[in-house]
Amino acid sequence: MTETLDPASTQLSLGTAAARQLATTTKSVPQMQAITPRWLLRSLPWVEAKGAVYRVNRRLTYTVGDGRIEFVSQGDDVRVIPAELGELPALRGFDDADVLTALAGRFTRRQFSAGDTIVRRGDAADELFLIVHGRVDKVGAGKYGDEAALGTLADGDYFGEQVLLGEGGWPFSVRANTGCVVLSLPRNAFAEALAGSPALASHVDRFRGSGAKSQNKHGEAAIEMSAGHSGEIDLPGTFVDYDLSPRQYELSVAQTLLRVHTRVADLYNGPHDQVQEQLRLTIAALRERQEDDMLNNPDFGLLHNADHSQRLHTRNGAPTPNDMDELVSRRRKTKFFLAHPKAIAAFGRELNARRLYPPPVLVDGQPMQSWRGVPILPCDKIPIDPATNTTSILAMRTGEDDNGVIGLHQTGIPDEREPGLSVRFTGVSEKAIMSYLVSAYYSCAVLVPDALGVLEDVELGN
């Protein structure tokens, strides 16, 4: 019979498993997967907001309706929200709910397939169109008879607003780029609404007369001047008029109450300080929330505060070099693009398909994808619509001196640990738990509308 030997009887030295019982373990500090580079916070210039409020004073602007229109739907039944009709230029400021509700009920739903011509240049303009869903191309005539692309419209946009004033024919054609659902209002239906509401008729007449106000191409009250003259002429008198109700940005706050048991802080404090590590990770989470708010907060977030005139749509879904050129051309001194990493990858695929390889740009010593010399910074806080797999790409000019986008904070606050962030010890409870109030104060402001542009409906899977 063969004898089985005990492995321990053949071992000639101490094993590693036993030796580990006497050895010191080397430990890392706590790691956190949610920490990102936070390029938006790093790239924006930060401005002191004393008194926790920053007022953006601008020249007086004659606003004539420049927002998007929203709808409600139940199955195939789609209706425009009556109050949203106030975004149309001729109805800006008109707030009679009964009249707007009656007018909204006069719209009819129409559907077009990709490639259909919705209106044709030169035909009589006799309908107002609101785009519920889909994308259309505005096409005009070039200098030599060829077609000229005038832009792309999509969900919430409108065209034919001149119909409400009874002005002329179509100066362009509109062609469906995708399947489209629109609401249309015939001119005669609007005329009936005018006849039935003296208040609406008076409002539209006032709007017609407001065209006499002198303004520049941005809608600002014009500064009168004379140039190129000779001799002794009477120079025009002028002044710079200001907006009487400027936008004010109040600092927002993100807070949490961090709790640490005194026994943990006293006894389990080496080699890493438990309180400091808890604070480090909590502060990182607050800064992540801060960047998310600065993009997505309905009140001051950049995605919600981009001017309608600076919102563009992709021509074919994917983010092409043509779309990025259009985004850059809308402003001077574009400092950087901000895009979801998946959007950057989608743009890279379009570049590869065209055999375009723009050189990277160094940002804080790191090479970044670029276009026209402008870095494209990644930010995973920009949302992706899961239903359509679409997102947005932002482009911005920054700084007060350039009338750009700025971050707002206040430094010198009590118990400040980082600029605009405080850690305040709030005591020890009866259960021997220490508490720290961690607060971050911040906001952001767009000083003039063209400082921020957004390329919308960027398809990631096309």
Foldseek 3Di string as FASTA:
>chain_A
DDDDDDVVVVDDDDDPVVVVVVDDDDDDQDDDPPFDPLVVVVPFAEDEDPVQKDFQWDFDFDDQAFDFWAWDDDVPDIWTQLVSVCNQRLNPPPDPSVLSVVQRVQWDKDKDAAFDWPDAAPAALFKKKAWQAAKKWWWAADPVGDIDTPAMDGHRDIDSSCLLVVDGHHRTIIGGRHITMMIMHGSVSSVVSCVVDVVSVVSSVVSVVVVVQDDDPVRGRDAAFDPDDDDDDDTDDGDGHIDPDTDMDGWDKDKDKDKDFVCCQPPVCPPHRPVVSSVVVVVSVRSLVVSLCCQDPCPFHQVNPATSVQEHEDSNQACELVNVVVNCVLDPPFAAKEEAPLNVVSHVVNCVVVVHDDFFDADPNDTADDHPNHGYHHDNSFDADPVQRWTKMKIFDHDPVRQTKHKYAHAPDPQDDDGQWHWAWDDADPSRMTIIMIMGIIGMDRNDNSRMHMHTSRHSPD
